[in-house]
């Protein structure tokens, strides 16, 4: 289960993903977290967690547009697939739960497929 604390712990244990080089913390309160992991100035992973509402959002953002994401609302997950990022995918794959580590792995795969990284 995601919490502000668990996400911050995952972030400290940064895995093998070197595609982001800068972290900007926008909000860091006991029950609320919003941060960005920058790939480039206009390309980043945004992380949002609200423990009070039990809402989690992970998004890959290019410019001002989410191009991929996973969201949790009321303990139900959905995905915004890169092929149609405005659509809420509620398929079995779309409803798969996530955490920061898993999401960053998915982003890495997307970046490789798009040939944005090696």
PDB file of N, CA and C in Angstrom:
ATOM      1  N   UNK A   1       0.840  -1.186   0.000  1.00  0.00           N
ATOM      2  CA  UNK A   1       0.000   0.000   0.000  1.00  0.00           C
ATOM      3  C   UNK A   1       0.883   1.247   0.000  1.00  0.00           C
ATOM      4  N   UNK A   2       0.507   2.206  -0.823  1.00  0.00           N
ATOM      5  CA  UNK A   2       1.249   3.454  -0.892  1.00  0.00           C
ATOM      6  C   UNK A   2       0.856   4.384   0.251  1.00  0.00           C
ATOM      7  N   UNK A   3       1.854   5.031   0.799  1.00  0.00           N
ATOM      8  CA  UNK A   3       1.664   6.111   1.759  1.00  0.00           C
ATOM      9  C   UNK A   3       2.720   7.154   1.439  1.00  0.00           C
ATOM     10  N   UNK A   4       2.566   8.337   1.980  1.00  0.00           N
ATOM     11  CA  UNK A   4       3.603   9.354   1.797  1.00  0.00           C
ATOM     12  C   UNK A   4       4.938   8.786   2.263  1.00  0.00           C
ATOM     13  N   UNK A   5       4.945   8.155   3.408  1.00  0.00           N
ATOM     14  CA  UNK A   5       6.180   7.616   3.974  1.00  0.00           C
ATOM     15  C   UNK A   5       6.790   6.535   3.075  1.00  0.00           C
ATOM     16  N   UNK A   6       5.969   5.612   2.569  1.00  0.00           N
ATOM     17  CA  UNK A   6       6.509   4.527   1.741  1.00  0.00           C
ATOM     18  C   UNK A   6       7.074   5.057   0.423  1.00  0.00           C
ATOM     19  N   UNK A   7       6.444   6.059  -0.151  1.00  0.00           N
ATOM     20  CA  UNK A   7       6.952   6.643  -1.392  1.00  0.00           C
ATOM     21  C   UNK A   7       8.290   7.331  -1.149  1.00  0.00           C
ATOM     22  N   UNK A   8       8.386   8.063  -0.055  1.00  0.00           N
ATOM     23  CA  UNK A   8       9.664   8.732   0.258  1.00  0.00           C
ATOM     24  C   UNK A   8      10.772   7.715   0.502  1.00  0.00           C
ATOM     25  N   UNK A   9      10.438   6.594   1.143  1.00  0.00           N
ATOM     26  CA  UNK A   9      11.437   5.538   1.357  1.00  0.00           C
ATOM     27  C   UNK A   9      11.865   4.916   0.032  1.00  0.00           C
ATOM     28  N   UNK A  10      10.913   4.683  -0.875  1.00  0.00           N
ATOM     29  CA  UNK A  10      11.258   4.140  -2.192  1.00  0.00           C
ATOM     30  C   UNK A  10      12.157   5.109  -2.953  1.00  0.00           C
ATOM     31  N   UNK A  11      11.886   6.379  -2.813  1.00  0.00           N
ATOM     32  CA  UNK A  11      12.672   7.395  -3.515  1.00  0.00           C
ATOM     33  C   UNK A  11      14.104   7.427  -3.001  1.00  0.00           C
ATOM     34  N   UNK A  12      14.278   7.247  -1.702  1.00  0.00           N
ATOM     35  CA  UNK A  12      15.631   7.234  -1.124  1.00  0.00           C
ATOM     36  C   UNK A  12      16.423   6.030  -1.583  1.00  0.00           C
ATOM     37  N   UNK A  13      15.731   4.931  -1.834  1.00  0.00           N
ATOM     38  CA  UNK A  13      16.389   3.704  -2.288  1.00  0.00           C
ATOM     39  C   UNK A  13      16.397   3.659  -3.807  1.00  0.00           C
ATOM     40  N   UNK A  14      16.697   4.791  -4.424  1.00  0.00           N
ATOM     41  CA  UNK A  14      16.662   4.924  -5.887  1.00  0.00           C
ATOM     42  C   UNK A  14      17.314   3.712  -6.540  1.00  0.00           C
ATOM     43  N   UNK A  15      16.546   3.077  -7.397  1.00  0.00           N
ATOM     44  CA  UNK A  15      17.030   1.887  -8.082  1.00  0.00           C
ATOM     45  C   UNK A  15      17.993   2.241  -9.193  1.00  0.00           C
ATOM     46  N   UNK A  16      17.942   1.476 -10.226  1.00  0.00           N
ATOM     47  CA  UNK A  16      18.900   1.578 -11.315  1.00  0.00           C
ATOM     48  C   UNK A  16      18.519   2.608 -12.367  1.00  0.00           C
ATOM     49  N   UNK A  17      17.501   3.386 -12.133  1.00  0.00           N
ATOM     50  CA  UNK A  17      17.024   4.296 -13.161  1.00  0.00           C
ATOM     51  C   UNK A  17      17.725   5.644 -13.082  1.00  0.00           C
ATOM     52  N   UNK A  18      18.563   5.872 -14.050  1.00  0.00           N
ATOM     53  CA  UNK A  18      19.314   7.120 -14.086  1.00  0.00           C
ATOM     54  C   UNK A  18      18.702   8.093 -15.089  1.00  0.00           C
ATOM     55  N   UNK A  19      17.522   7.777 -15.607  1.00  0.00           N
ATOM     56  CA  UNK A  19      16.921   8.648 -16.614  1.00  0.00           C
ATOM     57  C   UNK A  19      16.428   9.963 -16.038  1.00  0.00           C
ATOM     58  N   UNK A  20      16.256  10.039 -14.745  1.00  0.00           N
ATOM     59  CA  UNK A  20      15.939  11.337 -14.150  1.00  0.00           C
ATOM     60  C   UNK A  20      17.142  11.800 -13.334  1.00  0.00           C
ATOM     61  N   UNK A  21      17.351  13.111 -13.359  1.00  0.00           N
ATOM     62  CA  UNK A  21      18.551  13.622 -12.698  1.00  0.00           C
ATOM     63  C   UNK A  21      18.270  14.679 -11.642  1.00  0.00           C
ATOM     64  N   UNK A  22      16.995  15.029 -11.514  1.00  0.00           N
ATOM     65  CA  UNK A  22      16.672  16.092 -10.560  1.00  0.00           C
ATOM     66  C   UNK A  22      15.297  15.826  -9.972  1.00  0.00           C
ATOM     67  N   UNK A  23      15.176  16.100  -8.680  1.00  0.00           N
ATOM     68  CA  UNK A  23      13.902  15.932  -7.980  1.00  0.00           C
ATOM     69  C   UNK A  23      13.459  17.294  -7.472  1.00  0.00           C
ATOM     70  N   UNK A  24      12.210  17.635  -7.750  1.00  0.00           N
ATOM     71  CA  UNK A  24      11.632  18.864  -7.214  1.00  0.00           C
ATOM     72  C   UNK A  24      10.455  18.482  -6.324  1.00  0.00           C
ATOM     73  N   UNK A  25      10.543  18.808  -5.056  1.00  0.00           N
ATOM     74  CA  UNK A  25       9.457  18.539  -4.124  1.00  0.00           C
ATOM     75  C   UNK A  25       8.548  19.759  -4.113  1.00  0.00           C
ATOM     76  N   UNK A  26       7.306  19.560  -4.529  1.00  0.00           N
ATOM     77  CA  UNK A  26       6.330  20.650  -4.587  1.00  0.00           C
ATOM     78  C   UNK A  26       5.549  20.761  -3.284  1.00  0.00           C
ATOM     79  N   UNK A  27       5.182  19.616  -2.708  1.00  0.00           N
ATOM     80  CA  UNK A  27       4.476  19.566  -1.426  1.00  0.00           C
ATOM     81  C   UNK A  27       5.017  18.377  -0.650  1.00  0.00           C
ATOM     82  N   UNK A  28       5.378  18.595   0.602  1.00  0.00           N
ATOM     83  CA  UNK A  28       5.811  17.505   1.467  1.00  0.00           C
ATOM     84  C   UNK A  28       5.268  17.784   2.858  1.00  0.00           C
ATOM     85  N   UNK A  29       4.087  17.249   3.095  1.00  0.00           N
ATOM     86  CA  UNK A  29       3.421  17.369   4.389  1.00  0.00           C
ATOM     87  C   UNK A  29       3.214  15.961   4.930  1.00  0.00           C
ATOM     88  N   UNK A  30       2.875  15.823   6.201  1.00  0.00           N
ATOM     89  CA  UNK A  30       2.741  14.475   6.762  1.00  0.00           C
ATOM     90  C   UNK A  30       1.805  13.546   5.975  1.00  0.00           C
ATOM     91  N   UNK A  31       0.718  14.073   5.414  1.00  0.00           N
ATOM     92  CA  UNK A  31      -0.241  13.234   4.707  1.00  0.00           C
ATOM     93  C   UNK A  31      -0.389  13.572   3.230  1.00  0.00           C
ATOM     94  N   UNK A  32       0.494  14.426   2.719  1.00  0.00           N
ATOM     95  CA  UNK A  32       0.369  14.874   1.336  1.00  0.00           C
ATOM     96  C   UNK A  32       1.752  15.052   0.713  1.00  0.00           C
ATOM     97  N   UNK A  33       1.918  14.489  -0.482  1.00  0.00           N
ATOM     98  CA  UNK A  33       3.200  14.569  -1.175  1.00  0.00           C
ATOM     99  C   UNK A  33       2.963  14.816  -2.656  1.00  0.00           C
ATOM    100  N   UNK A  34       3.708  15.755  -3.204  1.00  0.00           N
ATOM    101  CA  UNK A  34       3.706  15.980  -4.646  1.00  0.00           C
ATOM    102  C   UNK A  34       5.127  16.336  -5.047  1.00  0.00           C
ATOM    103  N   UNK A  35       5.658  15.570  -5.996  1.00  0.00           N
ATOM    104  CA  UNK A  35       7.020  15.827  -6.443  1.00  0.00           C
ATOM    105  C   UNK A  35       7.177  15.464  -7.903  1.00  0.00           C
ATOM    106  N   UNK A  36       8.280  15.936  -8.471  1.00  0.00           N
ATOM    107  CA  UNK A  36       8.593  15.659  -9.865  1.00  0.00           C
ATOM    108  C   UNK A  36      10.017  15.134  -9.972  1.00  0.00           C
ATOM    109  N   UNK A  37      10.175  14.118 -10.800  1.00  0.00           N
ATOM    110  CA  UNK A  37      11.473  13.545 -11.122  1.00  0.00           C
ATOM    111  C   UNK A  37      11.757  13.951 -12.565  1.00  0.00           C
ATOM    112  N   UNK A  38      12.682  14.880 -12.747  1.00  0.00           N
ATOM    113  CA  UNK A  38      12.907  15.472 -14.063  1.00  0.00           C
ATOM    114  C   UNK A  38      13.830  14.635 -14.943  1.00  0.00           C
ATOM    115  N   UNK A  39      13.337  14.354 -16.146  1.00  0.00           N
ATOM    116  CA  UNK A  39      14.117  13.731 -17.204  1.00  0.00           C
ATOM    117  C   UNK A  39      14.764  14.847 -18.024  1.00  0.00           C
ATOM    118  N   UNK A  40      13.955  15.844 -18.341  1.00  0.00           N
ATOM    119  CA  UNK A  40      14.354  17.115 -18.953  1.00  0.00           C
ATOM    120  C   UNK A  40      13.457  18.180 -18.340  1.00  0.00           C
ATOM    121  N   UNK A  41      13.711  19.439 -18.663  1.00  0.00           N
ATOM    122  CA  UNK A  41      12.896  20.507 -18.076  1.00  0.00           C
ATOM    123  C   UNK A  41      11.410  20.350 -18.383  1.00  0.00           C
ATOM    124  N   UNK A  42      11.076  19.832 -19.571  1.00  0.00           N
ATOM    125  CA  UNK A  42       9.676  19.702 -19.974  1.00  0.00           C
ATOM    126  C   UNK A  42       9.190  18.252 -19.967  1.00  0.00           C
ATOM    127  N   UNK A  43       9.943  17.365 -19.317  1.00  0.00           N
ATOM    128  CA  UNK A  43       9.651  15.938 -19.349  1.00  0.00           C
ATOM    129  C   UNK A  43       9.967  15.359 -17.982  1.00  0.00           C
ATOM    130  N   UNK A  44       8.938  14.858 -17.271  1.00  0.00           N
ATOM    131  CA  UNK A  44       9.151  14.421 -15.900  1.00  0.00           C
ATOM    132  C   UNK A  44       8.129  13.385 -15.468  1.00  0.00           C
ATOM    133  N   UNK A  45       8.449  12.713 -14.383  1.00  0.00           N
ATOM    134  CA  UNK A  45       7.507  11.840 -13.687  1.00  0.00           C
ATOM    135  C   UNK A  45       6.963  12.642 -12.523  1.00  0.00           C
ATOM    136  N   UNK A  46       5.637  12.735 -12.451  1.00  0.00           N
ATOM    137  CA  UNK A  46       5.013  13.419 -11.317  1.00  0.00           C
ATOM    138  C   UNK A  46       4.418  12.375 -10.384  1.00  0.00           C
ATOM    139  N   UNK A  47       4.668  12.566  -9.109  1.00  0.00           N
ATOM    140  CA  UNK A  47       4.206  11.654  -8.069  1.00  0.00           C
ATOM    141  C   UNK A  47       3.318  12.435  -7.120  1.00  0.00           C
ATOM    142  N   UNK A  48       2.133  11.895  -6.849  1.00  0.00           N
ATOM    143  CA  UNK A  48       1.194  12.542  -5.932  1.00  0.00           C
ATOM    144  C   UNK A  48       0.622  11.474  -5.009  1.00  0.00           C
ATOM    145  N   UNK A  49       0.575  11.792  -3.732  1.00  0.00           N
ATOM    146  CA  UNK A  49      -0.056  10.897  -2.757  1.00  0.00           C
ATOM    147  C   UNK A  49      -0.751  11.722  -1.689  1.00  0.00           C
ATOM    148  N   UNK A  50      -2.008  11.373  -1.414  1.00  0.00           N
ATOM    149  CA  UNK A  50      -2.776  11.981  -0.343  1.00  0.00           C
ATOM    150  C   UNK A  50      -3.239  10.846   0.567  1.00  0.00           C
ATOM    151  N   UNK A  51      -2.643  10.739   1.748  1.00  0.00           N
ATOM    152  CA  UNK A  51      -3.003   9.667   2.675  1.00  0.00           C
ATOM    153  C   UNK A  51      -4.422   9.815   3.216  1.00  0.00           C
ATOM    154  N   UNK A  52      -4.899  11.048   3.357  1.00  0.00           N
ATOM    155  CA  UNK A  52      -6.240  11.253   3.894  1.00  0.00           C
ATOM    156  C   UNK A  52      -7.310  10.719   2.948  1.00  0.00           C
ATOM    157  N   UNK A  53      -7.175  11.002   1.652  1.00  0.00           N
ATOM    158  CA  UNK A  53      -8.165  10.539   0.673  1.00  0.00           C
ATOM    159  C   UNK A  53      -7.770   9.206   0.041  1.00  0.00           C
ATOM    160  N   UNK A  54      -6.595   8.686   0.421  1.00  0.00           N
ATOM    161  CA  UNK A  54      -6.077   7.422  -0.106  1.00  0.00           C
ATOM    162  C   UNK A  54      -6.003   7.457  -1.636  1.00  0.00           C
ATOM    163  N   UNK A  55      -5.466   8.564  -2.142  1.00  0.00           N
ATOM    164  CA  UNK A  55      -5.327   8.782  -3.577  1.00  0.00           C
ATOM    165  C   UNK A  55      -3.848   8.789  -3.945  1.00  0.00           C
ATOM    166  N   UNK A  56      -3.514   8.050  -4.997  1.00  0.00           N
ATOM    167  CA  UNK A  56      -2.154   8.004  -5.510  1.00  0.00           C
ATOM    168  C   UNK A  56      -2.204   8.263  -7.002  1.00  0.00           C
ATOM    169  N   UNK A  57      -1.242   9.031  -7.495  1.00  0.00           N
ATOM    170  CA  UNK A  57      -1.156   9.279  -8.926  1.00  0.00           C
ATOM    171  C   UNK A  57       0.312   9.310  -9.333  1.00  0.00           C
ATOM    172  N   UNK A  58       0.622   8.511 -10.335  1.00  0.00           N
ATOM    173  CA  UNK A  58       1.943   8.509 -10.948  1.00  0.00           C
ATOM    174  C   UNK A  58       1.734   8.868 -12.417  1.00  0.00           C
ATOM    175  N   UNK A  59       2.458   9.864 -12.901  1.00  0.00           N
ATOM    176  CA  UNK A  59       2.263  10.290 -14.287  1.00  0.00           C
ATOM    177  C   UNK A  59       3.588  10.608 -14.953  1.00  0.00           C
ATOM    178  N   UNK A  60       3.688  10.215 -16.215  1.00  0.00           N
ATOM    179  CA  UNK A  60       4.794  10.624 -17.067  1.00  0.00           C
ATOM    180  C   UNK A  60       4.262  11.791 -17.884  1.00  0.00           C
ATOM    181  N   UNK A  61       4.887  12.958 -17.724  1.00  0.00           N
ATOM    182  CA  UNK A  61       4.376  14.196 -18.312  1.00  0.00           C
ATOM    183  C   UNK A  61       5.389  14.748 -19.308  1.00  0.00           C
ATOM    184  N   UNK A  62       4.897  15.083 -20.493  1.00  0.00           N
ATOM    185  CA  UNK A  62       5.707  15.727 -21.522  1.00  0.00           C
ATOM    186  C   UNK A  62       5.051  17.061 -21.829  1.00  0.00           C
ATOM    187  N   UNK A  63       5.781  18.141 -21.601  1.00  0.00           N
ATOM    188  CA  UNK A  63       5.190  19.472 -21.738  1.00  0.00           C
ATOM    189  C   UNK A  63       4.144  19.649 -20.652  1.00  0.00           C
ATOM    190  N   UNK A  64       2.904  19.824 -21.065  1.00  0.00           N
ATOM    191  CA  UNK A  64       1.803  19.966 -20.107  1.00  0.00           C
ATOM    192  C   UNK A  64       0.862  18.769 -20.151  1.00  0.00           C
ATOM    193  N   UNK A  65       1.263  17.726 -20.890  1.00  0.00           N
ATOM    194  CA  UNK A  65       0.372  16.588 -21.111  1.00  0.00           C
ATOM    195  C   UNK A  65       0.875  15.314 -20.461  1.00  0.00           C
ATOM    196  N   UNK A  66      -0.026  14.623 -19.777  1.00  0.00           N
ATOM    197  CA  UNK A  66       0.284  13.289 -19.272  1.00  0.00           C
ATOM    198  C   UNK A  66       0.288  12.361 -20.476  1.00  0.00           C
ATOM    199  N   UNK A  67       1.382  11.601 -20.647  1.00  0.00           N
ATOM    200  CA  UNK A  67       1.430  10.654 -21.757  1.00  0.00           C
ATOM    201  C   UNK A  67       1.308   9.207 -21.274  1.00  0.00           C
ATOM    202  N   UNK A  68       1.410   8.996 -19.961  1.00  0.00           N
ATOM    203  CA  UNK A  68       1.242   7.680 -19.360  1.00  0.00           C
ATOM    204  C   UNK A  68       1.005   7.883 -17.881  1.00  0.00           C
ATOM    205  N   UNK A  69       0.210   7.028 -17.272  1.00  0.00           N
ATOM    206  CA  UNK A  69       0.007   7.171 -15.836  1.00  0.00           C
ATOM    207  C   UNK A  69      -0.732   6.014 -15.214  1.00  0.00           C
ATOM    208  N   UNK A  70      -0.673   5.987 -13.902  1.00  0.00           N
ATOM    209  CA  UNK A  70      -1.440   5.044 -13.085  1.00  0.00           C
ATOM    210  C   UNK A  70      -1.994   5.819 -11.899  1.00  0.00           C
ATOM    211  N   UNK A  71      -3.291   5.624 -11.642  1.00  0.00           N
ATOM    212  CA  UNK A  71      -3.969   6.340 -10.568  1.00  0.00           C
ATOM    213  C   UNK A  71      -4.726   5.372  -9.674  1.00  0.00           C
ATOM    214  N   UNK A  72      -4.765   5.710  -8.390  1.00  0.00           N
ATOM    215  CA  UNK A  72      -5.530   4.943  -7.411  1.00  0.00           C
ATOM    216  C   UNK A  72      -6.520   5.887  -6.745  1.00  0.00           C
ATOM    217  N   UNK A  73      -7.782   5.513  -6.814  1.00  0.00           N
ATOM    218  CA  UNK A  73      -8.842   6.261  -6.135  1.00  0.00           C
ATOM    219  C   UNK A  73      -9.740   5.250  -5.441  1.00  0.00           C
ATOM    220  N   UNK A  74      -9.968   5.427  -4.165  1.00  0.00           N
ATOM    221  CA  UNK A  74     -10.810   4.511  -3.391  1.00  0.00           C
ATOM    222  C   UNK A  74     -10.357   3.056  -3.529  1.00  0.00           C
ATOM    223  N   UNK A  75      -9.045   2.854  -3.476  1.00  0.00           N
ATOM    224  CA  UNK A  75      -8.418   1.527  -3.535  1.00  0.00           C
ATOM    225  C   UNK A  75      -8.590   0.839  -4.891  1.00  0.00           C
ATOM    226  N   UNK A  76      -9.020   1.568  -5.911  1.00  0.00           N
ATOM    227  CA  UNK A  76      -9.166   1.018  -7.257  1.00  0.00           C
ATOM    228  C   UNK A  76      -8.177   1.724  -8.178  1.00  0.00           C
ATOM    229  N   UNK A  77      -7.384   0.924  -8.858  1.00  0.00           N
ATOM    230  CA  UNK A  77      -6.370   1.462  -9.759  1.00  0.00           C
ATOM    231  C   UNK A  77      -6.878   1.496 -11.189  1.00  0.00           C
ATOM    232  N   UNK A  78      -6.374   2.435 -11.956  1.00  0.00           N
ATOM    233  CA  UNK A  78      -6.565   2.437 -13.405  1.00  0.00           C
ATOM    234  C   UNK A  78      -5.316   3.007 -14.056  1.00  0.00           C
ATOM    235  N   UNK A  79      -5.193   2.714 -15.335  1.00  0.00           N
ATOM    236  CA  UNK A  79      -4.008   3.116 -16.079  1.00  0.00           C
ATOM    237  C   UNK A  79      -4.411   4.074 -17.195  1.00  0.00           C
ATOM    238  N   UNK A  80      -3.507   4.977 -17.513  1.00  0.00           N
ATOM    239  CA  UNK A  80      -3.632   5.844 -18.678  1.00  0.00           C
ATOM    240  C   UNK A  80      -2.515   5.400 -19.616  1.00  0.00           C
ATOM    241  N   UNK A  81      -2.863   4.550 -20.574  1.00  0.00           N
ATOM    242  CA  UNK A  81      -1.873   3.941 -21.461  1.00  0.00           C
ATOM    243  C   UNK A  81      -1.302   4.974 -22.423  1.00  0.00           C
ATOM    244  N   UNK A  82      -0.063   4.797 -22.785  1.00  0.00           N
ATOM    245  CA  UNK A  82       0.631   5.747 -23.664  1.00  0.00           C
ATOM    246  C   UNK A  82      -0.068   5.892 -25.016  1.00  0.00           C
ATOM    247  N   UNK A  83      -0.760   4.842 -25.466  1.00  0.00           N
ATOM    248  CA  UNK A  83      -1.474   4.902 -26.746  1.00  0.00           C
ATOM    249  C   UNK A  83      -2.735   5.755 -26.686  1.00  0.00           C
ATOM    250  N   UNK A  84      -3.289   5.946 -25.493  1.00  0.00           N
ATOM    251  CA  UNK A  84      -4.503   6.745 -25.317  1.00  0.00           C
ATOM    252  C   UNK A  84      -4.528   7.290 -23.892  1.00  0.00           C
ATOM    253  N   UNK A  85      -3.662   8.266 -23.589  1.00  0.00           N
ATOM    254  CA  UNK A  85      -3.477   8.694 -22.197  1.00  0.00           C
ATOM    255  C   UNK A  85      -4.676   9.414 -21.556  1.00  0.00           C
ATOM    256  N   UNK A  86      -5.668   9.806 -22.336  1.00  0.00           N
ATOM    257  CA  UNK A  86      -6.841  10.446 -21.722  1.00  0.00           C
ATOM    258  C   UNK A  86      -7.881   9.419 -21.287  1.00  0.00           C
ATOM    259  N   UNK A  87      -7.727   8.184 -21.742  1.00  0.00           N
ATOM    260  CA  UNK A  87      -8.663   7.103 -21.425  1.00  0.00           C
ATOM    261  C   UNK A  87      -8.261   6.399 -20.134  1.00  0.00           C
ATOM    262  N   UNK A  88      -9.235   6.081 -19.294  1.00  0.00           N
ATOM    263  CA  UNK A  88      -8.993   5.295 -18.075  1.00  0.00           C
ATOM    264  C   UNK A  88      -9.124   3.817 -18.415  1.00  0.00           C
ATOM    265  N   UNK A  89      -8.018   3.107 -18.413  1.00  0.00           N
ATOM    266  CA  UNK A  89      -7.982   1.682 -18.731  1.00  0.00           C
ATOM    267  C   UNK A  89      -8.305   0.886 -17.478  1.00  0.00           C
ATOM    268  N   UNK A  90      -9.474   0.233 -17.486  1.00  0.00           N
ATOM    269  CA  UNK A  90      -9.908  -0.571 -16.346  1.00  0.00           C
ATOM    270  C   UNK A  90      -9.817  -2.067 -16.644  1.00  0.00           C
ATOM    271  N   UNK A  91      -9.007  -2.433 -17.644  1.00  0.00           N
ATOM    272  CA  UNK A  91      -8.774  -3.850 -17.924  1.00  0.00           C
ATOM    273  C   UNK A  91      -8.003  -4.458 -16.752  1.00  0.00           C
ATOM    274  N   UNK A  92      -7.781  -5.767 -16.815  1.00  0.00           N
ATOM    275  CA  UNK A  92      -7.005  -6.410 -15.747  1.00  0.00           C
ATOM    276  C   UNK A  92      -5.616  -5.785 -15.630  1.00  0.00           C
ATOM    277  N   UNK A  93      -4.946  -5.533 -16.765  1.00  0.00           N
ATOM    278  CA  UNK A  93      -3.635  -4.883 -16.729  1.00  0.00           C
ATOM    279  C   UNK A  93      -3.757  -3.453 -16.238  1.00  0.00           C
ATOM    280  N   UNK A  94      -4.820  -2.787 -16.639  1.00  0.00           N
ATOM    281  CA  UNK A  94      -5.027  -1.405 -16.225  1.00  0.00           C
ATOM    282  C   UNK A  94      -5.304  -1.266 -14.744  1.00  0.00           C
ATOM    283  N   UNK A  95      -5.958  -2.254 -14.150  1.00  0.00           N
ATOM    284  CA  UNK A  95      -6.319  -2.202 -12.726  1.00  0.00           C
ATOM    285  C   UNK A  95      -5.217  -2.708 -11.805  1.00  0.00           C
ATOM    286  N   UNK A  96      -4.100  -3.120 -12.395  1.00  0.00           N
ATOM    287  CA  UNK A  96      -2.988  -3.630 -11.598  1.00  0.00           C
ATOM    288  C   UNK A  96      -2.466  -2.530 -10.665  1.00  0.00           C
ATOM    289  N   UNK A  97      -2.313  -2.859  -9.398  1.00  0.00           N
ATOM    290  CA  UNK A  97      -1.820  -1.865  -8.438  1.00  0.00           C
ATOM    291  C   UNK A  97      -0.363  -1.534  -8.736  1.00  0.00           C
ATOM    292  N   UNK A  98       0.071  -0.383  -8.251  1.00  0.00           N
ATOM    293  CA  UNK A  98       1.429   0.057  -8.522  1.00  0.00           C
ATOM    294  C   UNK A  98       2.029   0.709  -7.291  1.00  0.00           C
ATOM    295  N   UNK A  99       3.308   0.922  -7.380  1.00  0.00           N
ATOM    296  CA  UNK A  99       4.038   1.725  -6.408  1.00  0.00           C
ATOM    297  C   UNK A  99       5.096   2.476  -7.202  1.00  0.00           C
ATOM    298  N   UNK A 100       5.869   3.299  -6.553  1.00  0.00           N
ATOM    299  CA  UNK A 100       6.841   4.111  -7.281  1.00  0.00           C
ATOM    300  C   UNK A 100       7.846   3.244  -8.027  1.00  0.00           C
ATOM    301  N   UNK A 101       8.345   2.206  -7.391  1.00  0.00           N
ATOM    302  CA  UNK A 101       9.346   1.339  -8.019  1.00  0.00           C
ATOM    303  C   UNK A 101       8.799   0.706  -9.297  1.00  0.00           C
ATOM    304  N   UNK A 102       7.587   0.157  -9.234  1.00  0.00           N
ATOM    305  CA  UNK A 102       6.983  -0.469 -10.408  1.00  0.00           C
ATOM    306  C   UNK A 102       6.703   0.550 -11.507  1.00  0.00           C
ATOM    307  N   UNK A 103       6.236   1.727 -11.107  1.00  0.00           N
ATOM    308  CA  UNK A 103       5.931   2.753 -12.097  1.00  0.00           C
ATOM    309  C   UNK A 103       7.200   3.220 -12.809  1.00  0.00           C
ATOM    310  N   UNK A 104       8.273   3.426 -12.060  1.00  0.00           N
ATOM    311  CA  UNK A 104       9.529   3.846 -12.684  1.00  0.00           C
ATOM    312  C   UNK A 104      10.052   2.776 -13.644  1.00  0.00           C
ATOM    313  N   UNK A 105       9.804   1.518 -13.329  1.00  0.00           N
ATOM    314  CA  UNK A 105      10.186   0.426 -14.236  1.00  0.00           C
ATOM    315  C   UNK A 105       9.377   0.514 -15.530  1.00  0.00           C
ATOM    316  N   UNK A 106       8.080   0.786 -15.413  1.00  0.00           N
ATOM    317  CA  UNK A 106       7.243   0.946 -16.606  1.00  0.00           C
ATOM    318  C   UNK A 106       7.708   2.142 -17.443  1.00  0.00           C
ATOM    319  N   UNK A 107       8.035   3.241 -16.777  1.00  0.00           N
ATOM    320  CA  UNK A 107       8.516   4.429 -17.480  1.00  0.00           C
ATOM    321  C   UNK A 107       9.820   4.114 -18.200  1.00  0.00           C
ATOM    322  N   UNK A 108      10.710   3.402 -17.550  1.00  0.00           N
ATOM    323  CA  UNK A 108      11.974   3.027 -18.184  1.00  0.00           C
ATOM    324  C   UNK A 108      11.702   2.259 -19.474  1.00  0.00           C
ATOM    325  N   UNK A 109      10.794   1.313 -19.415  1.00  0.00           N
ATOM    326  CA  UNK A 109      10.450   0.515 -20.600  1.00  0.00           C
ATOM    327  C   UNK A 109       9.914   1.410 -21.720  1.00  0.00           C
ATOM    328  N   UNK A 110       9.053   2.353 -21.383  1.00  0.00           N
ATOM    329  CA  UNK A 110       8.496   3.281 -22.373  1.00  0.00           C
ATOM    330  C   UNK A 110       9.596   4.128 -22.992  1.00  0.00           C
ATOM    331  N   UNK A 111      10.487   4.651 -22.164  1.00  0.00           N
ATOM    332  CA  UNK A 111      11.578   5.494 -22.672  1.00  0.00           C
ATOM    333  C   UNK A 111      12.497   4.723 -23.613  1.00  0.00           C
ATOM    334  N   UNK A 112      12.745   3.458 -23.308  1.00  0.00           N
ATOM    335  CA  UNK A 112      13.554   2.612 -24.190  1.00  0.00           C
ATOM    336  C   UNK A 112      12.819   2.362 -25.502  1.00  0.00           C
ATOM    337  N   UNK A 113      11.515   2.012 -25.409  1.00  0.00           N
ATOM    338  CA  UNK A 113      10.728   1.749 -26.609  1.00  0.00           C
ATOM    339  C   UNK A 113      10.635   2.971 -27.509  1.00  0.00           C
ATOM    340  N   UNK A 114      10.537   4.159 -26.926  1.00  0.00           N
ATOM    341  CA  UNK A 114      10.473   5.400 -27.704  1.00  0.00           C
ATOM    342  C   UNK A 114      11.858   5.885 -28.133  1.00  0.00           C
ATOM    343  N   UNK A 115      12.872   5.114 -27.752  1.00  0.00           N
ATOM    344  CA  UNK A 115      14.276   5.435 -28.071  1.00  0.00           C
ATOM    345  C   UNK A 115      14.703   6.784 -27.512  1.00  0.00           C
ATOM    346  N   UNK A 116      14.201   7.107 -26.328  1.00  0.00           N
ATOM    347  CA  UNK A 116      14.593   8.338 -25.640  1.00  0.00           C
ATOM    348  C   UNK A 116      15.778   8.097 -24.727  1.00  0.00           C
ATOM    349  N   UNK A 117      16.001   6.828 -24.390  1.00  0.00           N
ATOM    350  CA  UNK A 117      17.186   6.407 -23.637  1.00  0.00           C
ATOM    351  C   UNK A 117      17.648   5.083 -24.202  1.00  0.00           C
ATOM    352  N   UNK A 118      18.871   4.685 -23.861  1.00  0.00           N
ATOM    353  CA  UNK A 118      19.398   3.387 -24.341  1.00  0.00           C
ATOM    354  C   UNK A 118      18.902   2.257 -23.491  1.00  0.00           C
TER     355      UNK A 118
END
